[in-house]
Amino acid sequence: MSKDIKDMIEGIESHEKQLAELRNQNDRLREMIEKQKGVIRDQETIIEEQKVKIARMYDIPEDVLELKELIGSRIQEIRNKKGITQDQLSEKVGISAKYLSSIERGKENPTLNTILKLAQSLDVKPDHFFIHLEIEDPAKRKSMINEILDEADEDQLKLIYKVLSAMMI
């Protein structure tokens, strides 16, 4: 065999070894990623359990814990309706896109200042983040309606009755 052919064969064999090493590294990385995903899932479960414990410890209704998520999803809904990206909005507000994402997912508590800046940047009043919040659980929804009714005075109850009657026809 000529020297050139031998060199080519050795080069091919060397590349095959390198490729095999890269495949092994790739497999190990995939395993590590899967383990990390499992760790993240475990941590999320622990966080949810801690939320419940804190709520019980301080007698905080579970609806209040969900409020962050509802407000965050409302901010996201308004942002999407306005056709604004997270990057664009976060730049206007002066926060990171990662922090805005966490707010929208209900993972962070925005400060009042941040809420005001978000409202201004989205060209809405701050109360828009707090109205039209949808409670998915019918029992919770009914409970919240009953709380409103319990707190209403006689004139408010008359108005509520008229509005509901008109809606139900």
N, C-alpha and C. Protein backbone atom coordinates (compact mmCIF):
# COMPACT_ATOMS: atom_id res chain seq x y z
N MET A 1 0.83 -1.17 0.00
CA MET A 1 0.00 0.00 0.00
C MET A 1 0.88 1.24 0.00
N SER A 2 0.43 2.21 -0.72
CA SER A 2 1.24 3.42 -0.79
C SER A 2 1.08 4.23 0.49
N LYS A 3 2.04 5.08 0.72
CA LYS A 3 2.07 5.90 1.93
C LYS A 3 0.85 6.83 1.98
N ASP A 4 0.44 7.37 0.86
CA ASP A 4 -0.71 8.28 0.81
C ASP A 4 -1.99 7.58 1.26
N ILE A 5 -2.17 6.35 0.81
CA ILE A 5 -3.37 5.60 1.18
C ILE A 5 -3.33 5.28 2.66
N LYS A 6 -2.14 4.88 3.17
CA LYS A 6 -1.99 4.60 4.60
C LYS A 6 -2.33 5.84 5.43
N ASP A 7 -1.85 6.99 5.00
CA ASP A 7 -2.11 8.24 5.71
C ASP A 7 -3.61 8.56 5.71
N MET A 8 -4.25 8.32 4.57
CA MET A 8 -5.69 8.57 4.48
C MET A 8 -6.45 7.64 5.41
N ILE A 9 -6.07 6.37 5.45
CA ILE A 9 -6.74 5.41 6.32
C ILE A 9 -6.55 5.80 7.78
N GLU A 10 -5.33 6.18 8.13
CA GLU A 10 -5.05 6.61 9.51
C GLU A 10 -5.87 7.86 9.85
N GLY A 11 -5.99 8.77 8.90
CA GLY A 11 -6.79 9.99 9.10
C GLY A 11 -8.25 9.66 9.32
N ILE A 12 -8.76 8.73 8.52
CA ILE A 12 -10.16 8.31 8.65
C ILE A 12 -10.37 7.64 10.01
N GLU A 13 -9.46 6.76 10.39
CA GLU A 13 -9.57 6.08 11.68
C GLU A 13 -9.51 7.08 12.83
N SER A 14 -8.65 8.08 12.69
CA SER A 14 -8.54 9.12 13.71
C SER A 14 -9.84 9.91 13.82
N HIS A 15 -10.43 10.25 12.68
CA HIS A 15 -11.71 10.97 12.67
C HIS A 15 -12.83 10.12 13.25
N GLU A 16 -12.82 8.83 12.96
CA GLU A 16 -13.83 7.93 13.51
C GLU A 16 -13.74 7.88 15.03
N LYS A 17 -12.50 7.84 15.56
CA LYS A 17 -12.31 7.84 17.01
C LYS A 17 -12.83 9.14 17.61
N GLN A 18 -12.50 10.26 16.96
CA GLN A 18 -12.98 11.55 17.45
C GLN A 18 -14.51 11.62 17.42
N LEU A 19 -15.09 11.10 16.35
CA LEU A 19 -16.54 11.09 16.23
C LEU A 19 -17.16 10.24 17.33
N ALA A 20 -16.57 9.09 17.61
CA ALA A 20 -17.08 8.23 18.68
C ALA A 20 -16.99 8.94 20.03
N GLU A 21 -15.89 9.64 20.27
CA GLU A 21 -15.73 10.40 21.52
C GLU A 21 -16.79 11.50 21.62
N LEU A 22 -17.02 12.19 20.52
CA LEU A 22 -18.03 13.26 20.51
C LEU A 22 -19.43 12.70 20.76
N ARG A 23 -19.71 11.53 20.18
CA ARG A 23 -21.01 10.90 20.42
C ARG A 23 -21.17 10.53 21.89
N ASN A 24 -20.10 10.00 22.49
CA ASN A 24 -20.14 9.66 23.91
C ASN A 24 -20.36 10.91 24.76
N GLN A 25 -19.65 11.99 24.43
CA GLN A 25 -19.84 13.24 25.16
C GLN A 25 -21.27 13.75 25.00
N ASN A 26 -21.78 13.64 23.79
CA ASN A 26 -23.15 14.07 23.52
C ASN A 26 -24.14 13.27 24.36
N ASP A 27 -23.94 11.95 24.42
CA ASP A 27 -24.82 11.09 25.22
C ASP A 27 -24.75 11.48 26.70
N ARG A 28 -23.53 11.73 27.19
CA ARG A 28 -23.38 12.13 28.60
C ARG A 28 -24.07 13.47 28.86
N LEU A 29 -23.94 14.40 27.93
CA LEU A 29 -24.61 15.69 28.07
C LEU A 29 -26.13 15.54 28.09
N ARG A 30 -26.64 14.69 27.22
CA ARG A 30 -28.09 14.45 27.20
C ARG A 30 -28.56 13.86 28.54
N GLU A 31 -27.79 12.94 29.08
CA GLU A 31 -28.12 12.36 30.39
C GLU A 31 -28.12 13.44 31.47
N MET A 32 -27.11 14.30 31.43
CA MET A 32 -27.01 15.38 32.42
C MET A 32 -28.21 16.33 32.30
N ILE A 33 -28.59 16.64 31.07
CA ILE A 33 -29.74 17.53 30.84
C ILE A 33 -31.01 16.90 31.40
N GLU A 34 -31.21 15.63 31.14
CA GLU A 34 -32.40 14.94 31.65
C GLU A 34 -32.41 14.92 33.19
N LYS A 35 -31.23 14.70 33.79
CA LYS A 35 -31.15 14.73 35.26
C LYS A 35 -31.49 16.13 35.78
N GLN A 36 -30.99 17.17 35.11
CA GLN A 36 -31.28 18.54 35.52
C GLN A 36 -32.76 18.86 35.38
N LYS A 37 -33.38 18.36 34.32
CA LYS A 37 -34.83 18.56 34.15
C LYS A 37 -35.58 17.92 35.32
N GLY A 38 -35.13 16.74 35.74
CA GLY A 38 -35.75 16.08 36.89
C GLY A 38 -35.56 16.88 38.16
N VAL A 39 -34.37 17.43 38.34
CA VAL A 39 -34.09 18.27 39.52
C VAL A 39 -34.99 19.49 39.51
N ILE A 40 -35.14 20.12 38.35
CA ILE A 40 -36.00 21.31 38.23
C ILE A 40 -37.45 20.94 38.57
N ARG A 41 -37.93 19.81 38.05
CA ARG A 41 -39.29 19.38 38.37
C ARG A 41 -39.45 19.16 39.87
N ASP A 42 -38.47 18.53 40.47
CA ASP A 42 -38.51 18.31 41.92
C ASP A 42 -38.53 19.63 42.68
N GLN A 43 -37.71 20.59 42.24
CA GLN A 43 -37.67 21.89 42.90
C GLN A 43 -38.99 22.63 42.74
N GLU A 44 -39.59 22.54 41.57
CA GLU A 44 -40.89 23.19 41.36
C GLU A 44 -41.95 22.58 42.28
N THR A 45 -41.90 21.27 42.47
CA THR A 45 -42.83 20.60 43.38
C THR A 45 -42.61 21.09 44.81
N ILE A 46 -41.36 21.19 45.21
CA ILE A 46 -41.03 21.67 46.55
C ILE A 46 -41.52 23.09 46.74
N ILE A 47 -41.33 23.93 45.73
CA ILE A 47 -41.78 25.32 45.82
C ILE A 47 -43.30 25.37 46.00
N GLU A 48 -44.01 24.59 45.22
CA GLU A 48 -45.48 24.57 45.35
C GLU A 48 -45.89 24.10 46.74
N GLU A 49 -45.21 23.08 47.26
CA GLU A 49 -45.51 22.60 48.62
C GLU A 49 -45.22 23.68 49.65
N GLN A 50 -44.13 24.42 49.46
CA GLN A 50 -43.78 25.50 50.39
C GLN A 50 -44.81 26.61 50.34
N LYS A 51 -45.32 26.91 49.15
CA LYS A 51 -46.36 27.93 49.02
C LYS A 51 -47.58 27.55 49.86
N VAL A 52 -47.97 26.29 49.77
CA VAL A 52 -49.13 25.82 50.52
C VAL A 52 -48.85 25.90 52.03
N LYS A 53 -47.65 25.50 52.43
CA LYS A 53 -47.30 25.57 53.86
C LYS A 53 -47.32 27.00 54.36
N ILE A 54 -46.75 27.91 53.58
CA ILE A 54 -46.73 29.32 53.97
C ILE A 54 -48.16 29.86 54.05
N ALA A 55 -48.96 29.50 53.07
CA ALA A 55 -50.35 29.96 53.06
C ALA A 55 -51.07 29.48 54.31
N ARG A 56 -50.86 28.24 54.67
CA ARG A 56 -51.51 27.70 55.88
C ARG A 56 -50.95 28.36 57.14
N MET A 57 -49.63 28.54 57.18
CA MET A 57 -48.98 29.10 58.35
C MET A 57 -49.50 30.52 58.64
N TYR A 58 -49.67 31.30 57.59
CA TYR A 58 -50.10 32.68 57.76
C TYR A 58 -51.58 32.87 57.44
N ASP A 59 -52.27 31.77 57.27
CA ASP A 59 -53.71 31.79 56.99
C ASP A 59 -54.03 32.63 55.75
N ILE A 60 -53.24 32.42 54.70
CA ILE A 60 -53.44 33.13 53.43
C ILE A 60 -54.30 32.24 52.53
N PRO A 61 -55.40 32.77 52.03
CA PRO A 61 -56.22 31.96 51.12
C PRO A 61 -55.42 31.56 49.88
N GLU A 62 -55.67 30.37 49.38
CA GLU A 62 -54.93 29.89 48.20
C GLU A 62 -55.19 30.77 46.99
N ASP A 63 -56.36 31.42 46.93
CA ASP A 63 -56.66 32.31 45.81
C ASP A 63 -55.65 33.45 45.72
N VAL A 64 -55.17 33.90 46.88
CA VAL A 64 -54.21 35.00 46.88
C VAL A 64 -52.91 34.55 46.23
N LEU A 65 -52.50 33.31 46.47
CA LEU A 65 -51.29 32.80 45.84
C LEU A 65 -51.46 32.71 44.33
N GLU A 66 -52.68 32.40 43.89
CA GLU A 66 -52.95 32.31 42.47
C GLU A 66 -53.04 33.70 41.83
N LEU A 67 -53.24 34.71 42.66
CA LEU A 67 -53.40 36.06 42.15
C LEU A 67 -52.18 36.52 41.35
N LYS A 68 -50.98 36.17 41.81
CA LYS A 68 -49.77 36.52 41.07
C LYS A 68 -49.83 35.97 39.65
N GLU A 69 -50.27 34.72 39.54
CA GLU A 69 -50.35 34.08 38.24
C GLU A 69 -51.42 34.74 37.38
N LEU A 70 -52.55 35.09 38.01
CA LEU A 70 -53.63 35.73 37.26
C LEU A 70 -53.21 37.11 36.76
N ILE A 71 -52.56 37.88 37.62
CA ILE A 71 -52.10 39.21 37.22
C ILE A 71 -51.04 39.09 36.14
N GLY A 72 -50.12 38.16 36.32
CA GLY A 72 -49.08 37.95 35.32
C GLY A 72 -49.65 37.56 33.97
N SER A 73 -50.64 36.68 33.98
CA SER A 73 -51.24 36.27 32.70
C SER A 73 -52.03 37.42 32.09
N ARG A 74 -52.59 38.29 32.93
CA ARG A 74 -53.31 39.46 32.43
C ARG A 74 -52.32 40.44 31.76
N ILE A 75 -51.18 40.65 32.38
CA ILE A 75 -50.15 41.50 31.78
C ILE A 75 -49.73 40.93 30.42
N GLN A 76 -49.52 39.63 30.40
CA GLN A 76 -49.12 38.97 29.14
C GLN A 76 -50.21 39.10 28.08
N GLU A 77 -51.45 38.93 28.50
CA GLU A 77 -52.57 39.04 27.56
C GLU A 77 -52.64 40.44 26.95
N ILE A 78 -52.50 41.47 27.78
CA ILE A 78 -52.54 42.85 27.28
C ILE A 78 -51.35 43.10 26.35
N ARG A 79 -50.17 42.64 26.76
CA ARG A 79 -48.97 42.82 25.94
C ARG A 79 -49.15 42.17 24.57
N ASN A 80 -49.67 40.93 24.57
CA ASN A 80 -49.88 40.23 23.30
C ASN A 80 -50.91 40.93 22.42
N LYS A 81 -51.99 41.43 23.04
CA LYS A 81 -53.02 42.14 22.26
C LYS A 81 -52.45 43.40 21.61
N LYS A 82 -51.48 44.00 22.27
CA LYS A 82 -50.86 45.22 21.74
C LYS A 82 -49.75 44.89 20.74
N GLY A 83 -49.43 43.59 20.58
CA GLY A 83 -48.40 43.18 19.62
C GLY A 83 -47.00 43.57 20.05
N ILE A 84 -46.77 43.58 21.36
CA ILE A 84 -45.46 43.96 21.89
C ILE A 84 -44.76 42.71 22.40
N THR A 85 -43.49 42.57 22.09
CA THR A 85 -42.71 41.43 22.57
C THR A 85 -42.25 41.67 24.01
N GLN A 86 -41.85 40.61 24.67
CA GLN A 86 -41.30 40.75 26.03
C GLN A 86 -40.06 41.63 26.01
N ASP A 87 -39.23 41.45 25.01
CA ASP A 87 -38.01 42.27 24.91
C ASP A 87 -38.35 43.75 24.79
N GLN A 88 -39.32 44.06 23.94
CA GLN A 88 -39.70 45.47 23.74
C GLN A 88 -40.26 46.07 25.03
N LEU A 89 -41.17 45.33 25.68
CA LEU A 89 -41.79 45.86 26.89
C LEU A 89 -40.78 45.99 28.02
N SER A 90 -39.95 44.98 28.19
CA SER A 90 -38.97 45.04 29.28
C SER A 90 -38.01 46.20 29.09
N GLU A 91 -37.65 46.50 27.85
CA GLU A 91 -36.77 47.63 27.58
C GLU A 91 -37.46 48.95 27.93
N LYS A 92 -38.75 49.07 27.56
CA LYS A 92 -39.51 50.29 27.88
C LYS A 92 -39.62 50.50 29.40
N VAL A 93 -39.83 49.39 30.12
CA VAL A 93 -40.05 49.46 31.56
C VAL A 93 -38.73 49.61 32.32
N GLY A 94 -37.66 49.11 31.73
CA GLY A 94 -36.36 49.18 32.40
C GLY A 94 -36.10 47.98 33.28
N ILE A 95 -36.65 46.82 32.88
CA ILE A 95 -36.41 45.57 33.59
C ILE A 95 -35.90 44.55 32.58
N SER A 96 -35.38 43.44 33.08
CA SER A 96 -34.89 42.43 32.15
C SER A 96 -36.06 41.63 31.58
N ALA A 97 -35.86 41.09 30.39
CA ALA A 97 -36.89 40.25 29.76
C ALA A 97 -37.14 39.01 30.62
N LYS A 98 -36.10 38.52 31.28
CA LYS A 98 -36.25 37.35 32.15
C LYS A 98 -37.16 37.66 33.34
N TYR A 99 -36.98 38.85 33.92
CA TYR A 99 -37.82 39.26 35.05
C TYR A 99 -39.27 39.44 34.59
N LEU A 100 -39.47 40.05 33.41
CA LEU A 100 -40.82 40.21 32.88
C LEU A 100 -41.46 38.85 32.64
N SER A 101 -40.70 37.92 32.12
CA SER A 101 -41.22 36.57 31.90
C SER A 101 -41.65 35.94 33.22
N SER A 102 -40.85 36.15 34.26
CA SER A 102 -41.19 35.60 35.58
C SER A 102 -42.45 36.25 36.14
N ILE A 103 -42.62 37.54 35.90
CA ILE A 103 -43.84 38.22 36.34
C ILE A 103 -45.04 37.63 35.61
N GLU A 104 -44.92 37.48 34.30
CA GLU A 104 -46.02 36.97 33.50
C GLU A 104 -46.39 35.54 33.86
N ARG A 105 -45.43 34.77 34.34
CA ARG A 105 -45.71 33.39 34.74
C ARG A 105 -46.14 33.30 36.20
N GLY A 106 -46.19 34.45 36.88
CA GLY A 106 -46.63 34.46 38.27
C GLY A 106 -45.57 33.99 39.24
N LYS A 107 -44.32 34.03 38.83
CA LYS A 107 -43.23 33.56 39.67
C LYS A 107 -42.59 34.69 40.48
N GLU A 108 -42.84 35.93 40.07
CA GLU A 108 -42.26 37.09 40.75
C GLU A 108 -43.37 38.04 41.18
N ASN A 109 -43.11 38.77 42.26
CA ASN A 109 -44.00 39.83 42.72
C ASN A 109 -43.46 41.16 42.22
N PRO A 110 -44.12 41.75 41.22
CA PRO A 110 -43.63 43.05 40.76
C PRO A 110 -43.90 44.13 41.82
N THR A 111 -43.00 45.09 41.91
CA THR A 111 -43.22 46.20 42.84
C THR A 111 -44.31 47.10 42.27
N LEU A 112 -44.84 47.95 43.11
CA LEU A 112 -45.84 48.91 42.65
C LEU A 112 -45.26 49.78 41.53
N ASN A 113 -44.01 50.18 41.70
CA ASN A 113 -43.32 50.97 40.68
C ASN A 113 -43.31 50.24 39.35
N THR A 114 -42.99 48.94 39.38
CA THR A 114 -42.94 48.15 38.15
C THR A 114 -44.33 48.04 37.52
N ILE A 115 -45.35 47.84 38.35
CA ILE A 115 -46.72 47.76 37.83
C ILE A 115 -47.10 49.07 37.15
N LEU A 116 -46.74 50.19 37.78
CA LEU A 116 -47.05 51.50 37.19
C LEU A 116 -46.32 51.69 35.87
N LYS A 117 -45.05 51.28 35.82
CA LYS A 117 -44.28 51.41 34.58
C LYS A 117 -44.83 50.48 33.49
N LEU A 118 -45.24 49.27 33.89
CA LEU A 118 -45.83 48.34 32.92
C LEU A 118 -47.12 48.94 32.34
N ALA A 119 -47.96 49.48 33.22
CA ALA A 119 -49.21 50.08 32.76
C ALA A 119 -48.94 51.23 31.80
N GLN A 120 -48.01 52.10 32.17
CA GLN A 120 -47.68 53.25 31.33
C GLN A 120 -47.14 52.77 29.97
N SER A 121 -46.27 51.79 29.99
CA SER A 121 -45.67 51.29 28.75
C SER A 121 -46.69 50.59 27.87
N LEU A 122 -47.71 49.99 28.48
CA LEU A 122 -48.75 49.31 27.72
C LEU A 122 -49.92 50.23 27.40
N ASP A 123 -49.81 51.47 27.88
CA ASP A 123 -50.84 52.48 27.64
C ASP A 123 -52.21 52.04 28.19
N VAL A 124 -52.19 51.52 29.42
CA VAL A 124 -53.42 51.15 30.12
C VAL A 124 -53.33 51.69 31.55
N LYS A 125 -54.47 51.74 32.21
CA LYS A 125 -54.47 52.11 33.62
C LYS A 125 -54.01 50.90 34.42
N PRO A 126 -53.35 51.12 35.55
CA PRO A 126 -52.87 49.98 36.35
C PRO A 126 -53.98 49.00 36.75
N ASP A 127 -55.21 49.51 36.93
CA ASP A 127 -56.28 48.60 37.35
C ASP A 127 -56.64 47.58 36.27
N HIS A 128 -56.19 47.79 35.03
CA HIS A 128 -56.45 46.82 33.97
C HIS A 128 -55.79 45.47 34.27
N PHE A 129 -54.74 45.50 35.06
CA PHE A 129 -54.08 44.25 35.41
C PHE A 129 -54.90 43.45 36.42
N PHE A 130 -55.81 44.11 37.09
CA PHE A 130 -56.54 43.48 38.19
C PHE A 130 -57.99 43.19 37.85
N ILE A 131 -58.47 43.70 36.71
CA ILE A 131 -59.85 43.42 36.32
C ILE A 131 -59.86 42.31 35.29
N HIS A 132 -60.97 41.69 35.17
CA HIS A 132 -61.18 40.59 34.22
C HIS A 132 -60.28 39.40 34.50
N LEU A 133 -59.92 39.21 35.77
CA LEU A 133 -59.13 38.04 36.11
C LEU A 133 -60.06 36.83 36.11
N GLU A 134 -59.65 35.79 35.45
CA GLU A 134 -60.50 34.61 35.36
C GLU A 134 -60.08 33.57 36.38
N ILE A 135 -61.04 33.18 37.21
CA ILE A 135 -60.84 32.11 38.17
C ILE A 135 -61.40 30.85 37.52
N GLU A 136 -60.55 29.87 37.28
CA GLU A 136 -60.95 28.66 36.56
C GLU A 136 -61.87 27.76 37.38
N ASP A 137 -61.62 27.65 38.66
CA ASP A 137 -62.37 26.73 39.51
C ASP A 137 -63.75 27.32 39.80
N PRO A 138 -64.82 26.64 39.36
CA PRO A 138 -66.17 27.18 39.58
C PRO A 138 -66.50 27.41 41.06
N ALA A 139 -66.01 26.55 41.94
CA ALA A 139 -66.28 26.72 43.37
C ALA A 139 -65.62 28.00 43.90
N LYS A 140 -64.40 28.26 43.45
CA LYS A 140 -63.70 29.48 43.86
C LYS A 140 -64.41 30.71 43.31
N ARG A 141 -64.84 30.61 42.06
CA ARG A 141 -65.54 31.72 41.43
C ARG A 141 -66.81 32.04 42.21
N LYS A 142 -67.56 31.00 42.55
CA LYS A 142 -68.80 31.19 43.29
C LYS A 142 -68.52 31.79 44.67
N SER A 143 -67.46 31.32 45.30
CA SER A 143 -67.07 31.84 46.61
C SER A 143 -66.72 33.31 46.53
N MET A 144 -66.00 33.71 45.48
CA MET A 144 -65.63 35.11 45.31
C MET A 144 -66.86 35.98 45.06
N ILE A 145 -67.80 35.46 44.28
CA ILE A 145 -69.04 36.20 44.03
C ILE A 145 -69.80 36.37 45.35
N ASN A 146 -69.87 35.31 46.14
CA ASN A 146 -70.56 35.40 47.43
C ASN A 146 -69.90 36.41 48.36
N GLU A 147 -68.56 36.49 48.32
CA GLU A 147 -67.86 37.48 49.14
C GLU A 147 -68.23 38.90 48.71
N ILE A 148 -68.32 39.10 47.41
CA ILE A 148 -68.72 40.43 46.91
C ILE A 148 -70.13 40.75 47.38
N LEU A 149 -71.02 39.78 47.27
CA LEU A 149 -72.40 40.00 47.71
C LEU A 149 -72.48 40.27 49.21
N ASP A 150 -71.69 39.55 49.98
CA ASP A 150 -71.70 39.74 51.43
C ASP A 150 -71.24 41.14 51.83
N GLU A 151 -70.34 41.70 51.05
CA GLU A 151 -69.79 43.02 51.37
C GLU A 151 -70.60 44.17 50.78
N ALA A 152 -71.54 43.86 49.90
CA ALA A 152 -72.32 44.90 49.22
C ALA A 152 -73.38 45.48 50.15
N ASP A 153 -73.61 46.80 50.00
CA ASP A 153 -74.69 47.42 50.77
C ASP A 153 -76.00 47.22 50.01
N GLU A 154 -77.09 47.72 50.55
CA GLU A 154 -78.43 47.48 49.97
C GLU A 154 -78.54 48.04 48.55
N ASP A 155 -78.03 49.24 48.31
CA ASP A 155 -78.11 49.83 46.98
C ASP A 155 -77.28 49.03 45.97
N GLN A 156 -76.11 48.60 46.39
CA GLN A 156 -75.26 47.79 45.51
C GLN A 156 -75.93 46.47 45.17
N LEU A 157 -76.60 45.86 46.17
CA LEU A 157 -77.30 44.59 45.92
C LEU A 157 -78.42 44.78 44.90
N LYS A 158 -79.14 45.89 44.97
CA LYS A 158 -80.20 46.17 44.00
C LYS A 158 -79.61 46.26 42.59
N LEU A 159 -78.50 46.98 42.49
CA LEU A 159 -77.85 47.14 41.19
C LEU A 159 -77.34 45.79 40.66
N ILE A 160 -76.72 45.03 41.53
CA ILE A 160 -76.22 43.70 41.15
C ILE A 160 -77.36 42.83 40.65
N TYR A 161 -78.48 42.88 41.34
CA TYR A 161 -79.65 42.08 40.95
C TYR A 161 -80.13 42.50 39.56
N LYS A 162 -80.22 43.81 39.32
CA LYS A 162 -80.68 44.31 38.01
C LYS A 162 -79.73 43.85 36.89
N VAL A 163 -78.44 43.98 37.15
CA VAL A 163 -77.46 43.60 36.13
C VAL A 163 -77.53 42.11 35.85
N LEU A 164 -77.57 41.31 36.90
CA LEU A 164 -77.63 39.84 36.72
C LEU A 164 -78.93 39.43 36.03
N SER A 165 -80.03 40.06 36.42
CA SER A 165 -81.32 39.73 35.79
C SER A 165 -81.28 40.03 34.31
N ALA A 166 -80.70 41.17 33.96
CA ALA A 166 -80.62 41.55 32.55
C ALA A 166 -79.72 40.58 31.78
N MET A 167 -78.67 40.13 32.42
CA MET A 167 -77.72 39.21 31.76
C MET A 167 -78.33 37.82 31.56
N MET A 168 -79.18 37.41 32.45
CA MET A 168 -79.69 36.04 32.43
C MET A 168 -80.89 35.87 31.51
N ILE A 169 -81.39 36.95 30.97
CA ILE A 169 -82.58 36.87 30.09
C ILE A 169 -82.16 36.37 28.74
